[in-house]
Full PDB file with SEQRES, HELIX, SHEET, SSBOND, CRYST1, ORIGX, SCALE, CONECT and MASTER records, all heavy atoms in Angstrom:
SEQRES   1 A   35  VAL ALA ALA ALA ARG ALA HIS GLY HIS HIS ALA GLN THR          
SEQRES   2 A   35  THR VAL LEU THR THR ILE LEU PRO THR ASP PRO PRO ARG          
SEQRES   3 A   35  GLY ILE GLU VAL GLU VAL THR LEU PRO                          
SHEET    1 AA1 2 GLN A  12  LEU A  20  0                                        
SHEET    2 AA1 2 ARG A  26  LEU A  34 -1                                        
CRYST1    1.000    1.000    1.000  90.00  90.00  90.00 P 1           1          
ORIGX1      1.000000  0.000000  0.000000        0.00000                         
ORIGX2      0.000000  1.000000  0.000000        0.00000                         
ORIGX3      0.000000  0.000000  1.000000        0.00000                         
SCALE1      1.000000  0.000000  0.000000        0.00000                         
SCALE2      0.000000  1.000000  0.000000        0.00000                         
SCALE3      0.000000  0.000000  1.000000        0.00000                         
ATOM      1  N   VAL A   1       0.875  -1.278   0.042  1.00  0.00           N  
ATOM      2  CA  VAL A   1       0.020  -0.054   0.020  1.00  0.00           C  
ATOM      3  C   VAL A   1       0.901   1.234   0.010  1.00  0.00           C  
ATOM      4  O   VAL A   1       0.354   2.248  -0.356  1.00  0.00           O  
ATOM      5  CB  VAL A   1      -0.958   0.064   1.123  1.00  0.00           C  
ATOM      6  CG1 VAL A   1      -2.025  -1.077   1.050  1.00  0.00           C  
ATOM      7  CG2 VAL A   1      -0.229  -0.086   2.557  1.00  0.00           C  
ATOM      8  N   ALA A   2       2.144   1.103   0.236  1.00  0.00           N  
ATOM      9  CA  ALA A   2       2.972   2.312   0.268  1.00  0.00           C  
ATOM     10  C   ALA A   2       4.494   1.776   0.154  1.00  0.00           C  
ATOM     11  O   ALA A   2       4.800   0.691   0.489  1.00  0.00           O  
ATOM     12  CB  ALA A   2       2.884   3.105   1.604  1.00  0.00           C  
ATOM     13  N   ALA A   3       5.370   2.652  -0.484  1.00  0.00           N  
ATOM     14  CA  ALA A   3       6.697   2.254  -0.594  1.00  0.00           C  
ATOM     15  C   ALA A   3       7.553   3.640  -0.568  1.00  0.00           C  
ATOM     16  O   ALA A   3       7.010   4.700  -0.906  1.00  0.00           O  
ATOM     17  CB  ALA A   3       6.946   1.585  -1.925  1.00  0.00           C  
ATOM     18  N   ALA A   4       8.844   3.496  -0.368  1.00  0.00           N  
ATOM     19  CA  ALA A   4       9.680   4.648  -0.279  1.00  0.00           C  
ATOM     20  C   ALA A   4      11.105   4.157  -0.466  1.00  0.00           C  
ATOM     21  O   ALA A   4      11.494   2.975  -0.201  1.00  0.00           O  
ATOM     22  CB  ALA A   4       9.560   5.360   1.132  1.00  0.00           C  
ATOM     23  N   ARG A   5      11.971   5.040  -0.860  1.00  0.00           N  
ATOM     24  CA  ARG A   5      13.393   4.832  -0.913  1.00  0.00           C  
ATOM     25  C   ARG A   5      14.031   6.006  -0.048  1.00  0.00           C  
ATOM     26  O   ARG A   5      13.748   7.069  -0.086  1.00  0.00           O  
ATOM     27  CB  ARG A   5      13.901   5.045  -2.365  1.00  0.00           C  
ATOM     28  CG  ARG A   5      13.714   3.808  -3.176  1.00  0.00           C  
ATOM     29  CD  ARG A   5      14.536   3.974  -4.375  1.00  0.00           C  
ATOM     30  NE  ARG A   5      14.413   2.680  -5.161  1.00  0.00           N  
ATOM     31  CZ  ARG A   5      14.573   2.652  -6.474  1.00  0.00           C  
ATOM     32  NH1 ARG A   5      14.825   3.641  -7.154  1.00  0.00           N  
ATOM     33  NH2 ARG A   5      14.309   1.372  -7.001  1.00  0.00           N  
ATOM     34  N   ALA A   6      15.015   5.496   0.719  1.00  0.00           N  
ATOM     35  CA  ALA A   6      15.730   6.412   1.652  1.00  0.00           C  
ATOM     36  C   ALA A   6      17.183   6.470   0.941  1.00  0.00           C  
ATOM     37  O   ALA A   6      17.811   5.429   0.730  1.00  0.00           O  
ATOM     38  CB  ALA A   6      15.796   5.892   2.948  1.00  0.00           C  
ATOM     39  N   HIS A   7      17.642   7.728   0.708  1.00  0.00           N  
ATOM     40  CA  HIS A   7      18.904   7.877   0.102  1.00  0.00           C  
ATOM     41  C   HIS A   7      20.020   8.125   1.188  1.00  0.00           C  
ATOM     42  O   HIS A   7      19.735   8.847   2.212  1.00  0.00           O  
ATOM     43  CB  HIS A   7      18.899   8.942  -0.939  1.00  0.00           C  
ATOM     44  CG  HIS A   7      17.902   8.603  -2.025  1.00  0.00           C  
ATOM     45  ND1 HIS A   7      18.134   7.691  -3.062  1.00  0.00           N  
ATOM     46  CD2 HIS A   7      16.607   9.027  -2.262  1.00  0.00           C  
ATOM     47  CE1 HIS A   7      17.159   7.645  -3.867  1.00  0.00           C  
ATOM     48  NE2 HIS A   7      16.202   8.421  -3.355  1.00  0.00           N  
ATOM     49  N   GLY A   8      21.188   7.686   0.949  1.00  0.00           N  
ATOM     50  CA  GLY A   8      22.155   8.009   1.810  1.00  0.00           C  
ATOM     51  C   GLY A   8      22.423   6.925   2.907  1.00  0.00           C  
ATOM     52  O   GLY A   8      21.444   6.050   3.039  1.00  0.00           O  
ATOM     53  N   HIS A   9      23.513   6.994   3.673  1.00  0.00           N  
ATOM     54  CA  HIS A   9      23.766   5.873   4.650  1.00  0.00           C  
ATOM     55  C   HIS A   9      23.846   6.583   6.017  1.00  0.00           C  
ATOM     56  O   HIS A   9      24.683   6.171   6.933  1.00  0.00           O  
ATOM     57  CB  HIS A   9      25.045   5.054   4.417  1.00  0.00           C  
ATOM     58  CG  HIS A   9      24.790   4.273   3.205  1.00  0.00           C  
ATOM     59  ND1 HIS A   9      24.083   3.104   3.212  1.00  0.00           N  
ATOM     60  CD2 HIS A   9      25.118   4.455   1.874  1.00  0.00           C  
ATOM     61  CE1 HIS A   9      24.087   2.489   1.971  1.00  0.00           C  
ATOM     62  NE2 HIS A   9      24.711   3.333   1.112  1.00  0.00           N  
ATOM     63  N   HIS A  10      23.071   7.665   6.283  1.00  0.00           N  
ATOM     64  CA  HIS A  10      23.081   8.283   7.559  1.00  0.00           C  
ATOM     65  C   HIS A  10      21.794   7.890   8.230  1.00  0.00           C  
ATOM     66  O   HIS A  10      20.819   7.505   7.751  1.00  0.00           O  
ATOM     67  CB  HIS A  10      23.170   9.752   7.397  1.00  0.00           C  
ATOM     68  CG  HIS A  10      22.190  10.417   6.465  1.00  0.00           C  
ATOM     69  ND1 HIS A  10      22.210  10.244   5.097  1.00  0.00           N  
ATOM     70  CD2 HIS A  10      20.969  10.991   6.737  1.00  0.00           C  
ATOM     71  CE1 HIS A  10      21.247  10.906   4.559  1.00  0.00           C  
ATOM     72  NE2 HIS A  10      20.449  11.258   5.437  1.00  0.00           N  
ATOM     73  N   ALA A  11      21.796   8.050   9.705  1.00  0.00           N  
ATOM     74  CA  ALA A  11      20.651   7.705  10.415  1.00  0.00           C  
ATOM     75  C   ALA A  11      19.440   8.635   9.974  1.00  0.00           C  
ATOM     76  O   ALA A  11      19.683   9.871   9.764  1.00  0.00           O  
ATOM     77  CB  ALA A  11      20.895   7.854  11.861  1.00  0.00           C  
ATOM     78  N   GLN A  12      18.261   8.076   9.831  1.00  0.00           N  
ATOM     79  CA  GLN A  12      17.108   8.926   9.403  1.00  0.00           C  
ATOM     80  C   GLN A  12      15.848   8.144   9.669  1.00  0.00           C  
ATOM     81  O   GLN A  12      15.815   6.976   9.968  1.00  0.00           O  
ATOM     82  CB  GLN A  12      17.134   9.211   7.862  1.00  0.00           C  
ATOM     83  CG  GLN A  12      17.240   7.995   6.955  1.00  0.00           C  
ATOM     84  CD  GLN A  12      17.375   8.379   5.567  1.00  0.00           C  
ATOM     85  OE1 GLN A  12      16.587   9.207   4.975  1.00  0.00           O  
ATOM     86  NE2 GLN A  12      18.422   7.915   4.943  1.00  0.00           N  
ATOM     87  N   THR A  13      14.733   8.948   9.678  1.00  0.00           N  
ATOM     88  CA  THR A  13      13.437   8.345   9.974  1.00  0.00           C  
ATOM     89  C   THR A  13      12.496   8.561   8.826  1.00  0.00           C  
ATOM     90  O   THR A  13      12.452   9.732   8.328  1.00  0.00           O  
ATOM     91  CB  THR A  13      12.873   8.967  11.253  1.00  0.00           C  
ATOM     92  OG1 THR A  13      13.731   8.680  12.374  1.00  0.00           O  
ATOM     93  CG2 THR A  13      11.566   8.335  11.557  1.00  0.00           C  
ATOM     94  N   THR A  14      11.770   7.529   8.413  1.00  0.00           N  
ATOM     95  CA  THR A  14      10.873   7.654   7.197  1.00  0.00           C  
ATOM     96  C   THR A  14       9.530   7.269   7.751  1.00  0.00           C  
ATOM     97  O   THR A  14       9.377   6.179   8.443  1.00  0.00           O  
ATOM     98  CB  THR A  14      11.366   6.656   6.053  1.00  0.00           C  
ATOM     99  OG1 THR A  14      12.682   7.101   5.641  1.00  0.00           O  
ATOM    100  CG2 THR A  14      10.429   6.791   4.854  1.00  0.00           C  
ATOM    101  N   VAL A  15       8.454   7.930   7.311  1.00  0.00           N  
ATOM    102  CA  VAL A  15       7.177   7.684   7.715  1.00  0.00           C  
ATOM    103  C   VAL A  15       6.355   7.239   6.484  1.00  0.00           C  
ATOM    104  O   VAL A  15       6.208   7.976   5.546  1.00  0.00           O  
ATOM    105  CB  VAL A  15       6.451   8.927   8.422  1.00  0.00           C  
ATOM    106  CG1 VAL A  15       4.983   8.596   8.819  1.00  0.00           C  
ATOM    107  CG2 VAL A  15       7.309   9.306   9.627  1.00  0.00           C  
ATOM    108  N   LEU A  16       5.704   6.174   6.646  1.00  0.00           N  
ATOM    109  CA  LEU A  16       4.843   5.543   5.564  1.00  0.00           C  
ATOM    110  C   LEU A  16       3.426   5.713   6.087  1.00  0.00           C  
ATOM    111  O   LEU A  16       3.149   5.376   7.279  1.00  0.00           O  
ATOM    112  CB  LEU A  16       5.168   4.142   5.288  1.00  0.00           C  
ATOM    113  CG  LEU A  16       6.520   3.834   4.785  1.00  0.00           C  
ATOM    114  CD1 LEU A  16       6.851   2.490   4.685  1.00  0.00           C  
ATOM    115  CD2 LEU A  16       6.758   4.469   3.496  1.00  0.00           C  
ATOM    116  N   THR A  17       2.392   6.217   5.333  1.00  0.00           N  
ATOM    117  CA  THR A  17       0.986   6.423   5.679  1.00  0.00           C  
ATOM    118  C   THR A  17       0.082   5.587   4.724  1.00  0.00           C  
ATOM    119  O   THR A  17       0.249   5.476   3.575  1.00  0.00           O  
ATOM    120  CB  THR A  17       0.812   7.841   5.577  1.00  0.00           C  
ATOM    121  OG1 THR A  17       1.683   8.634   6.362  1.00  0.00           O  
ATOM    122  CG2 THR A  17      -0.661   8.253   5.986  1.00  0.00           C  
ATOM    123  N   THR A  18      -0.912   5.159   5.378  1.00  0.00           N  
ATOM    124  CA  THR A  18      -1.983   4.417   4.631  1.00  0.00           C  
ATOM    125  C   THR A  18      -3.396   4.405   5.424  1.00  0.00           C  
ATOM    126  O   THR A  18      -3.347   4.851   6.522  1.00  0.00           O  
ATOM    127  CB  THR A  18      -1.623   2.886   4.249  1.00  0.00           C  
ATOM    128  OG1 THR A  18      -2.478   2.499   3.289  1.00  0.00           O  
ATOM    129  CG2 THR A  18      -1.676   2.117   5.564  1.00  0.00           C  
ATOM    130  N   ILE A  19      -4.430   3.923   4.731  1.00  0.00           N  
ATOM    131  CA  ILE A  19      -5.777   3.898   5.401  1.00  0.00           C  
ATOM    132  C   ILE A  19      -5.995   2.391   5.330  1.00  0.00           C  
ATOM    133  O   ILE A  19      -6.056   1.659   4.335  1.00  0.00           O  
ATOM    134  CB  ILE A  19      -6.763   4.678   4.621  1.00  0.00           C  
ATOM    135  CG1 ILE A  19      -6.338   6.115   4.800  1.00  0.00           C  
ATOM    136  CG2 ILE A  19      -8.117   4.376   5.140  1.00  0.00           C  
ATOM    137  CD1 ILE A  19      -7.238   7.012   3.877  1.00  0.00           C  
ATOM    138  N   LEU A  20      -6.457   1.892   6.532  1.00  0.00           N  
ATOM    139  CA  LEU A  20      -6.802   0.446   6.751  1.00  0.00           C  
ATOM    140  C   LEU A  20      -8.181   0.271   6.146  1.00  0.00           C  
ATOM    141  O   LEU A  20      -9.075   0.966   6.288  1.00  0.00           O  
ATOM    142  CB  LEU A  20      -6.721   0.022   8.112  1.00  0.00           C  
ATOM    143  CG  LEU A  20      -5.343   0.047   8.858  1.00  0.00           C  
ATOM    144  CD1 LEU A  20      -5.489  -0.354  10.277  1.00  0.00           C  
ATOM    145  CD2 LEU A  20      -4.332  -0.768   8.039  1.00  0.00           C  
ATOM    146  N   PRO A  21      -8.317  -0.976   5.499  1.00  0.00           N  
ATOM    147  CA  PRO A  21      -9.650  -1.295   4.824  1.00  0.00           C  
ATOM    148  C   PRO A  21     -10.624  -1.836   5.993  1.00  0.00           C  
ATOM    149  O   PRO A  21     -11.086  -2.931   5.953  1.00  0.00           O  
ATOM    150  CB  PRO A  21      -9.346  -2.333   3.911  1.00  0.00           C  
ATOM    151  CG  PRO A  21      -8.180  -3.043   4.478  1.00  0.00           C  
ATOM    152  CD  PRO A  21      -7.470  -1.965   5.137  1.00  0.00           C  
ATOM    153  N   THR A  22     -10.908  -1.004   7.032  1.00  0.00           N  
ATOM    154  CA  THR A  22     -11.834  -1.455   7.998  1.00  0.00           C  
ATOM    155  C   THR A  22     -13.165  -0.572   7.960  1.00  0.00           C  
ATOM    156  O   THR A  22     -13.230   0.375   7.079  1.00  0.00           O  
ATOM    157  CB  THR A  22     -11.223  -1.111   9.491  1.00  0.00           C  
ATOM    158  OG1 THR A  22     -10.847   0.273   9.470  1.00  0.00           O  
ATOM    159  CG2 THR A  22      -9.970  -1.999   9.752  1.00  0.00           C  
ATOM    160  N   ASP A  23     -14.178  -0.853   8.765  1.00  0.00           N  
ATOM    161  CA  ASP A  23     -15.358  -0.124   8.781  1.00  0.00           C  
ATOM    162  C   ASP A  23     -15.562   0.504  10.037  1.00  0.00           C  
ATOM    163  O   ASP A  23     -15.975  -0.236  11.008  1.00  0.00           O  
ATOM    164  CB  ASP A  23     -16.478  -0.998   8.401  1.00  0.00           C  
ATOM    165  CG  ASP A  23     -17.814  -0.318   8.066  1.00  0.00           C  
ATOM    166  OD1 ASP A  23     -17.722   0.910   7.751  1.00  0.00           O  
ATOM    167  OD2 ASP A  23     -18.949  -0.930   8.395  1.00  0.00           O  
ATOM    168  N   PRO A  24     -15.405   1.761  10.234  1.00  0.00           N  
ATOM    169  CA  PRO A  24     -14.985   2.722   9.254  1.00  0.00           C  
ATOM    170  C   PRO A  24     -13.436   2.692   8.932  1.00  0.00           C  
ATOM    171  O   PRO A  24     -12.849   2.212   9.836  1.00  0.00           O  
ATOM    172  CB  PRO A  24     -15.326   4.073   9.912  1.00  0.00           C  
ATOM    173  CG  PRO A  24     -15.210   3.823  11.373  1.00  0.00           C  
ATOM    174  CD  PRO A  24     -15.565   2.378  11.611  1.00  0.00           C  
ATOM    175  N   PRO A  25     -12.979   3.245   7.809  1.00  0.00           N  
ATOM    176  CA  PRO A  25     -11.675   3.214   7.449  1.00  0.00           C  
ATOM    177  C   PRO A  25     -10.838   4.018   8.551  1.00  0.00           C  
ATOM    178  O   PRO A  25     -11.372   5.026   9.095  1.00  0.00           O  
ATOM    179  CB  PRO A  25     -11.515   3.975   6.063  1.00  0.00           C  
ATOM    180  CG  PRO A  25     -12.973   3.808   5.542  1.00  0.00           C  
ATOM    181  CD  PRO A  25     -13.838   3.762   6.755  1.00  0.00           C  
ATOM    182  N   ARG A  26      -9.607   3.490   8.884  1.00  0.00           N  
ATOM    183  CA  ARG A  26      -8.779   4.119   9.870  1.00  0.00           C  
ATOM    184  C   ARG A  26      -7.375   4.372   9.262  1.00  0.00           C  
ATOM    185  O   ARG A  26      -6.834   3.476   8.630  1.00  0.00           O  
ATOM    186  CB  ARG A  26      -8.514   3.191  10.937  1.00  0.00           C  
ATOM    187  CG  ARG A  26      -9.755   2.704  11.824  1.00  0.00           C  
ATOM    188  CD  ARG A  26      -9.465   1.776  12.871  1.00  0.00           C  
ATOM    189  NE  ARG A  26     -10.708   1.230  13.442  1.00  0.00           N  
ATOM    190  CZ  ARG A  26     -10.724   0.554  14.461  1.00  0.00           C  
ATOM    191  NH1 ARG A  26      -9.686   0.229  15.072  1.00  0.00           N  
ATOM    192  NH2 ARG A  26     -11.893   0.123  14.986  1.00  0.00           N  
ATOM    193  N   GLY A  27      -6.950   5.612   9.475  1.00  0.00           N  
ATOM    194  CA  GLY A  27      -5.544   5.905   8.916  1.00  0.00           C  
ATOM    195  C   GLY A  27      -4.509   5.615   9.979  1.00  0.00           C  
ATOM    196  O   GLY A  27      -4.699   5.640  11.200  1.00  0.00           O  
ATOM    197  N   ILE A  28      -3.404   5.105   9.457  1.00  0.00           N  
ATOM    198  CA  ILE A  28      -2.235   4.748  10.281  1.00  0.00           C  
ATOM    199  C   ILE A  28      -1.004   5.414   9.579  1.00  0.00           C  
ATOM    200  O   ILE A  28      -1.000   5.636   8.490  1.00  0.00           O  
ATOM    201  CB  ILE A  28      -2.034   3.207  10.518  1.00  0.00           C  
ATOM    202  CG1 ILE A  28      -1.767   2.531   9.240  1.00  0.00           C  
ATOM    203  CG2 ILE A  28      -3.261   2.620  11.219  1.00  0.00           C  
ATOM    204  CD1 ILE A  28      -1.361   1.097   9.197  1.00  0.00           C  
ATOM    205  N   GLU A  29       0.026   5.437  10.458  1.00  0.00           N  
ATOM    206  CA  GLU A  29       1.438   5.755   9.971  1.00  0.00           C  
ATOM    207  C   GLU A  29       2.293   4.808  10.581  1.00  0.00           C  
ATOM    208  O   GLU A  29       2.093   4.278  11.772  1.00  0.00           O  
ATOM    209  CB  GLU A  29       1.838   7.096  10.453  1.00  0.00           C  
ATOM    210  CG  GLU A  29       0.999   8.273   9.875  1.00  0.00           C  
ATOM    211  CD  GLU A  29       1.298   9.716  10.442  1.00  0.00           C  
ATOM    212  OE1 GLU A  29       1.948   9.800  11.410  1.00  0.00           O  
ATOM    213  OE2 GLU A  29       1.168  10.549   9.691  1.00  0.00           O  
ATOM    214  N   VAL A  30       3.353   4.499   9.770  1.00  0.00           N  
ATOM    215  CA  VAL A  30       4.449   3.557  10.390  1.00  0.00           C  
ATOM    216  C   VAL A  30       5.681   4.323  10.258  1.00  0.00           C  
ATOM    217  O   VAL A  30       5.992   4.823   9.120  1.00  0.00           O  
ATOM    218  CB  VAL A  30       4.505   2.286   9.513  1.00  0.00           C  
ATOM    219  CG1 VAL A  30       5.630   1.443  10.029  1.00  0.00           C  
ATOM    220  CG2 VAL A  30       3.185   1.465   9.675  1.00  0.00           C  
ATOM    221  N   GLU A  31       6.313   4.516  11.483  1.00  0.00           N  
ATOM    222  CA  GLU A  31       7.716   5.205  11.415  1.00  0.00           C  
ATOM    223  C   GLU A  31       8.767   4.280  11.408  1.00  0.00           C  
ATOM    224  O   GLU A  31       8.892   3.391  12.349  1.00  0.00           O  
ATOM    225  CB  GLU A  31       7.638   6.039  12.748  1.00  0.00           C  
ATOM    226  CG  GLU A  31       8.790   6.832  12.975  1.00  0.00           C  
ATOM    227  CD  GLU A  31       8.713   7.629  14.310  1.00  0.00           C  
ATOM    228  OE1 GLU A  31       8.171   8.713  14.252  1.00  0.00           O  
ATOM    229  OE2 GLU A  31       9.174   7.086  15.268  1.00  0.00           O  
ATOM    230  N   VAL A  32       9.743   4.332  10.405  1.00  0.00           N  
ATOM    231  CA  VAL A  32      10.808   3.412  10.325  1.00  0.00           C  
ATOM    232  C   VAL A  32      12.041   4.249  10.575  1.00  0.00           C  
ATOM    233  O   VAL A  32      12.389   5.167   9.866  1.00  0.00           O  
ATOM    234  CB  VAL A  32      10.917   2.705   8.953  1.00  0.00           C  
ATOM    235  CG1 VAL A  32      12.169   1.815   8.797  1.00  0.00           C  
ATOM    236  CG2 VAL A  32       9.582   2.041   8.603  1.00  0.00           C  
ATOM    237  N   THR A  33      12.826   3.836  11.576  1.00  0.00           N  
ATOM    238  CA  THR A  33      14.100   4.476  11.947  1.00  0.00           C  
ATOM    239  C   THR A  33      15.238   3.682  11.383  1.00  0.00           C  
ATOM    240  O   THR A  33      15.373   2.415  11.815  1.00  0.00           O  
ATOM    241  CB  THR A  33      14.278   4.652  13.466  1.00  0.00           C  
ATOM    242  OG1 THR A  33      13.108   5.399  13.940  1.00  0.00           O  
ATOM    243  CG2 THR A  33      15.541   5.466  13.769  1.00  0.00           C  
ATOM    244  N   LEU A  34      16.100   4.280  10.487  1.00  0.00           N  
ATOM    245  CA  LEU A  34      17.159   3.514   9.886  1.00  0.00           C  
ATOM    246  C   LEU A  34      18.500   3.966  10.618  1.00  0.00           C  
ATOM    247  O   LEU A  34      18.648   5.078  10.856  1.00  0.00           O  
ATOM    248  CB  LEU A  34      17.284   3.994   8.417  1.00  0.00           C  
ATOM    249  CG  LEU A  34      16.011   3.700   7.637  1.00  0.00           C  
ATOM    250  CD1 LEU A  34      16.222   4.298   6.179  1.00  0.00           C  
ATOM    251  CD2 LEU A  34      15.697   2.235   7.560  1.00  0.00           C  
ATOM    252  N   PRO A  35      19.376   2.971  10.840  1.00  0.00           N  
ATOM    253  CA  PRO A  35      20.673   3.194  11.470  1.00  0.00           C  
ATOM    254  C   PRO A  35      21.680   3.986  10.445  1.00  0.00           C  
ATOM    255  O   PRO A  35      21.333   4.069   9.235  1.00  0.00           O  
ATOM    256  CB  PRO A  35      21.247   1.941  11.745  1.00  0.00           C  
ATOM    257  CG  PRO A  35      20.644   0.957  10.630  1.00  0.00           C  
ATOM    258  CD  PRO A  35      19.240   1.561  10.382  1.00  0.00           C  
TER     259      PRO A  35                                                      
MASTER        0    0    0    0    2    0    0    6  258    1    0    3          
END                                                                             
């Protein structure tokens, strides 16, 4: 449902966002911390 590329080899945080297929729909975010 979402994809991203992180450039460089430094520590960084990337956030991916989507909406879950529930009733009612719910938005979520996933925070990925890279070393």
